[in-house]
Amino acid sequence: MNQAIQFPDREFWDSERQAVCFPAQVNGFNLTCAIAAETLRQRYGSGASDLELFRAHRWDIEEEAEALIAQQQEDDQGWVWLSFAK
């Protein structure tokens, strides 16, 4: 793992965006990452809440977010969204 990117355990459910959002600290700067509920359920099933699915698969999700951050895949608002494609 790149030591310059850290993921504090402060994920939260955003009902407006229908996504689990989680912070990333990149070289001291804060960035918000998100994965839509639909994406979580498509990948990991629907037998648990979206936050539980995120927490159960945190390492894989953070690894993917790290790759997107390294590729500078932020949207216009500076968010990194994990998509359907894995």
N, C-alpha and C. Protein backbone atom coordinates (compact mmCIF):
# COMPACT_ATOMS: atom_id res chain seq x y z
N MET A 1 0.83 -1.18 0.00
CA MET A 1 0.00 0.00 0.00
C MET A 1 0.87 1.24 0.00
N ASN A 2 0.46 2.23 -0.74
CA ASN A 2 1.17 3.50 -0.80
C ASN A 2 0.99 4.21 0.54
N GLN A 3 2.07 4.51 1.22
CA GLN A 3 1.99 5.14 2.53
C GLN A 3 1.46 6.56 2.45
N ALA A 4 1.44 7.16 1.26
CA ALA A 4 0.95 8.52 1.11
C ALA A 4 -0.58 8.57 1.07
N ILE A 5 -1.25 7.42 0.92
CA ILE A 5 -2.71 7.37 0.89
C ILE A 5 -3.19 6.55 2.09
N GLN A 6 -4.01 7.18 2.92
CA GLN A 6 -4.55 6.49 4.09
C GLN A 6 -6.07 6.60 4.06
N PHE A 7 -6.73 5.58 4.60
CA PHE A 7 -8.18 5.53 4.65
C PHE A 7 -8.64 5.40 6.10
N PRO A 8 -8.97 6.52 6.74
CA PRO A 8 -9.48 6.45 8.12
C PRO A 8 -10.81 5.69 8.15
N ASP A 9 -11.09 5.03 9.24
CA ASP A 9 -12.34 4.27 9.39
C ASP A 9 -13.47 5.23 9.77
N ARG A 10 -13.88 6.05 8.80
CA ARG A 10 -14.95 7.02 9.04
C ARG A 10 -15.97 7.01 7.91
N GLU A 11 -16.31 5.82 7.45
CA GLU A 11 -17.29 5.70 6.38
C GLU A 11 -18.68 6.07 6.89
N PHE A 12 -19.53 6.54 5.98
CA PHE A 12 -20.89 6.90 6.36
C PHE A 12 -21.83 6.71 5.17
N TRP A 13 -23.10 6.55 5.49
CA TRP A 13 -24.13 6.39 4.47
C TRP A 13 -24.63 7.78 4.09
N ASP A 14 -24.64 8.08 2.79
CA ASP A 14 -25.16 9.34 2.27
C ASP A 14 -26.47 9.02 1.55
N SER A 15 -27.59 9.34 2.19
CA SER A 15 -28.89 8.98 1.62
C SER A 15 -29.21 9.78 0.36
N GLU A 16 -28.71 10.99 0.25
CA GLU A 16 -28.94 11.80 -0.95
C GLU A 16 -28.27 11.17 -2.17
N ARG A 17 -27.06 10.68 -1.99
CA ARG A 17 -26.31 10.08 -3.10
C ARG A 17 -26.54 8.57 -3.21
N GLN A 18 -27.21 7.99 -2.21
CA GLN A 18 -27.43 6.54 -2.16
C GLN A 18 -26.09 5.81 -2.30
N ALA A 19 -25.15 6.21 -1.45
CA ALA A 19 -23.79 5.68 -1.53
C ALA A 19 -23.14 5.64 -0.15
N VAL A 20 -22.18 4.74 -0.02
CA VAL A 20 -21.31 4.75 1.15
C VAL A 20 -20.13 5.63 0.78
N CYS A 21 -19.89 6.63 1.60
CA CYS A 21 -18.79 7.57 1.37
C CYS A 21 -17.71 7.31 2.42
N PHE A 22 -16.48 7.51 2.00
CA PHE A 22 -15.38 7.28 2.93
C PHE A 22 -14.22 8.20 2.59
N PRO A 23 -13.51 8.69 3.62
CA PRO A 23 -12.43 9.64 3.38
C PRO A 23 -11.13 8.94 2.99
N ALA A 24 -10.33 9.70 2.27
CA ALA A 24 -8.95 9.30 1.97
C ALA A 24 -8.07 10.50 2.29
N GLN A 25 -6.93 10.23 2.86
CA GLN A 25 -5.95 11.28 3.09
C GLN A 25 -4.79 11.01 2.14
N VAL A 26 -4.58 11.97 1.24
CA VAL A 26 -3.57 11.82 0.19
C VAL A 26 -2.52 12.89 0.39
N ASN A 27 -1.34 12.47 0.81
CA ASN A 27 -0.25 13.42 1.08
C ASN A 27 -0.70 14.58 1.95
N GLY A 28 -1.51 14.27 2.96
CA GLY A 28 -1.98 15.28 3.89
C GLY A 28 -3.26 15.99 3.48
N PHE A 29 -3.75 15.78 2.28
CA PHE A 29 -4.99 16.40 1.81
C PHE A 29 -6.15 15.43 1.94
N ASN A 30 -7.34 15.96 2.26
CA ASN A 30 -8.52 15.13 2.38
C ASN A 30 -9.25 15.02 1.05
N LEU A 31 -9.73 13.83 0.78
CA LEU A 31 -10.45 13.53 -0.45
C LEU A 31 -11.61 12.62 -0.06
N THR A 32 -12.73 12.73 -0.76
CA THR A 32 -13.87 11.87 -0.47
C THR A 32 -14.02 10.84 -1.56
N CYS A 33 -14.17 9.59 -1.16
CA CYS A 33 -14.43 8.49 -2.08
C CYS A 33 -15.84 7.98 -1.82
N ALA A 34 -16.43 7.37 -2.83
CA ALA A 34 -17.79 6.86 -2.66
C ALA A 34 -18.01 5.65 -3.56
N ILE A 35 -18.89 4.79 -3.07
CA ILE A 35 -19.33 3.64 -3.87
C ILE A 35 -20.85 3.56 -3.72
N ALA A 36 -21.54 3.57 -4.84
CA ALA A 36 -23.01 3.55 -4.84
C ALA A 36 -23.53 2.24 -4.26
N ALA A 37 -24.68 2.32 -3.60
CA ALA A 37 -25.31 1.13 -3.04
C ALA A 37 -25.55 0.09 -4.13
N GLU A 38 -25.96 0.53 -5.29
CA GLU A 38 -26.21 -0.39 -6.40
C GLU A 38 -24.94 -1.16 -6.78
N THR A 39 -23.82 -0.46 -6.78
CA THR A 39 -22.54 -1.11 -7.10
C THR A 39 -22.17 -2.13 -6.03
N LEU A 40 -22.33 -1.75 -4.76
CA LEU A 40 -22.05 -2.68 -3.66
C LEU A 40 -22.87 -3.95 -3.80
N ARG A 41 -24.16 -3.78 -4.03
CA ARG A 41 -25.06 -4.94 -4.12
C ARG A 41 -24.76 -5.80 -5.34
N GLN A 42 -24.41 -5.15 -6.45
CA GLN A 42 -24.07 -5.92 -7.66
C GLN A 42 -22.84 -6.78 -7.40
N ARG A 43 -21.88 -6.24 -6.74
CA ARG A 43 -20.62 -6.96 -6.50
C ARG A 43 -20.71 -7.99 -5.38
N TYR A 44 -21.37 -7.62 -4.28
CA TYR A 44 -21.26 -8.42 -3.07
C TYR A 44 -22.57 -9.00 -2.56
N GLY A 45 -23.66 -8.79 -3.26
CA GLY A 45 -24.95 -9.34 -2.84
C GLY A 45 -25.74 -8.34 -2.02
N SER A 46 -26.89 -8.77 -1.57
CA SER A 46 -27.76 -7.84 -0.85
C SER A 46 -28.22 -8.40 0.49
N GLY A 47 -27.46 -9.29 1.06
CA GLY A 47 -27.86 -9.92 2.32
C GLY A 47 -27.54 -9.12 3.56
N ALA A 48 -26.99 -7.93 3.39
CA ALA A 48 -26.60 -7.10 4.53
C ALA A 48 -26.86 -5.64 4.17
N SER A 49 -26.73 -4.76 5.14
CA SER A 49 -26.88 -3.33 4.85
C SER A 49 -25.69 -2.88 4.00
N ASP A 50 -25.85 -1.75 3.37
CA ASP A 50 -24.78 -1.24 2.51
C ASP A 50 -23.51 -0.94 3.31
N LEU A 51 -23.65 -0.41 4.51
CA LEU A 51 -22.47 -0.16 5.34
C LEU A 51 -21.80 -1.47 5.73
N GLU A 52 -22.61 -2.50 6.04
CA GLU A 52 -22.03 -3.81 6.39
C GLU A 52 -21.29 -4.41 5.19
N LEU A 53 -21.87 -4.28 4.00
CA LEU A 53 -21.19 -4.77 2.80
C LEU A 53 -19.86 -4.05 2.60
N PHE A 54 -19.88 -2.73 2.77
CA PHE A 54 -18.64 -1.96 2.65
C PHE A 54 -17.60 -2.45 3.64
N ARG A 55 -18.00 -2.59 4.89
CA ARG A 55 -17.05 -2.98 5.93
C ARG A 55 -16.50 -4.39 5.71
N ALA A 56 -17.34 -5.27 5.19
CA ALA A 56 -16.90 -6.65 4.94
C ALA A 56 -15.89 -6.72 3.79
N HIS A 57 -15.94 -5.75 2.90
CA HIS A 57 -15.07 -5.76 1.71
C HIS A 57 -14.18 -4.52 1.65
N ARG A 58 -13.97 -3.92 2.80
CA ARG A 58 -13.20 -2.68 2.90
C ARG A 58 -11.86 -2.74 2.18
N TRP A 59 -11.08 -3.80 2.40
CA TRP A 59 -9.73 -3.85 1.84
C TRP A 59 -9.76 -3.81 0.31
N ASP A 60 -10.67 -4.56 -0.30
CA ASP A 60 -10.78 -4.55 -1.76
C ASP A 60 -11.23 -3.19 -2.28
N ILE A 61 -12.19 -2.60 -1.60
CA ILE A 61 -12.72 -1.30 -2.02
C ILE A 61 -11.65 -0.22 -1.88
N GLU A 62 -10.92 -0.23 -0.76
CA GLU A 62 -9.86 0.76 -0.57
C GLU A 62 -8.73 0.57 -1.58
N GLU A 63 -8.44 -0.66 -1.92
CA GLU A 63 -7.40 -0.92 -2.92
C GLU A 63 -7.81 -0.34 -4.27
N GLU A 64 -9.06 -0.53 -4.64
CA GLU A 64 -9.56 0.03 -5.89
C GLU A 64 -9.55 1.56 -5.85
N ALA A 65 -9.97 2.13 -4.72
CA ALA A 65 -9.96 3.59 -4.57
C ALA A 65 -8.54 4.12 -4.68
N GLU A 66 -7.59 3.42 -4.09
CA GLU A 66 -6.19 3.84 -4.16
C GLU A 66 -5.71 3.90 -5.61
N ALA A 67 -6.08 2.90 -6.40
CA ALA A 67 -5.69 2.89 -7.82
C ALA A 67 -6.32 4.06 -8.57
N LEU A 68 -7.59 4.35 -8.28
CA LEU A 68 -8.26 5.48 -8.95
C LEU A 68 -7.65 6.81 -8.54
N ILE A 69 -7.28 6.94 -7.28
CA ILE A 69 -6.62 8.16 -6.80
C ILE A 69 -5.28 8.33 -7.51
N ALA A 70 -4.53 7.25 -7.63
CA ALA A 70 -3.23 7.31 -8.31
C ALA A 70 -3.38 7.71 -9.78
N GLN A 71 -4.52 7.35 -10.38
CA GLN A 71 -4.81 7.71 -11.77
C GLN A 71 -5.49 9.07 -11.89
N GLN A 72 -5.67 9.75 -10.76
CA GLN A 72 -6.31 11.06 -10.70
C GLN A 72 -7.70 11.04 -11.34
N GLN A 73 -8.53 10.10 -10.88
CA GLN A 73 -9.86 9.91 -11.43
C GLN A 73 -10.95 10.65 -10.64
N GLU A 74 -10.64 11.80 -10.08
CA GLU A 74 -11.63 12.58 -9.34
C GLU A 74 -12.64 13.20 -10.31
N ASP A 75 -13.88 13.34 -9.84
CA ASP A 75 -14.90 14.01 -10.67
C ASP A 75 -14.77 15.52 -10.51
N ASP A 76 -15.71 16.27 -11.05
CA ASP A 76 -15.67 17.73 -11.01
C ASP A 76 -15.73 18.30 -9.60
N GLN A 77 -16.31 17.54 -8.67
CA GLN A 77 -16.39 17.97 -7.28
C GLN A 77 -15.21 17.47 -6.45
N GLY A 78 -14.30 16.77 -7.07
CA GLY A 78 -13.14 16.25 -6.36
C GLY A 78 -13.37 14.94 -5.65
N TRP A 79 -14.45 14.24 -6.02
CA TRP A 79 -14.77 12.95 -5.42
C TRP A 79 -14.25 11.83 -6.31
N VAL A 80 -13.91 10.72 -5.68
CA VAL A 80 -13.53 9.50 -6.41
C VAL A 80 -14.68 8.50 -6.26
N TRP A 81 -15.29 8.15 -7.39
CA TRP A 81 -16.41 7.21 -7.39
C TRP A 81 -15.97 5.86 -7.92
N LEU A 82 -16.24 4.81 -7.17
CA LEU A 82 -15.99 3.45 -7.64
C LEU A 82 -17.19 3.04 -8.45
N SER A 83 -16.95 2.51 -9.63
CA SER A 83 -18.04 2.22 -10.56
C SER A 83 -18.34 0.73 -10.63
N PHE A 84 -19.25 0.38 -11.54
CA PHE A 84 -19.63 -1.03 -11.72
C PHE A 84 -18.45 -1.85 -12.19
N ALA A 85 -17.69 -1.32 -13.12
CA ALA A 85 -16.54 -2.08 -13.65
C ALA A 85 -15.53 -2.26 -12.54
N LYS A 86 -15.03 -3.46 -12.42
CA LYS A 86 -14.08 -3.73 -11.34
C LYS A 86 -12.73 -4.02 -11.90
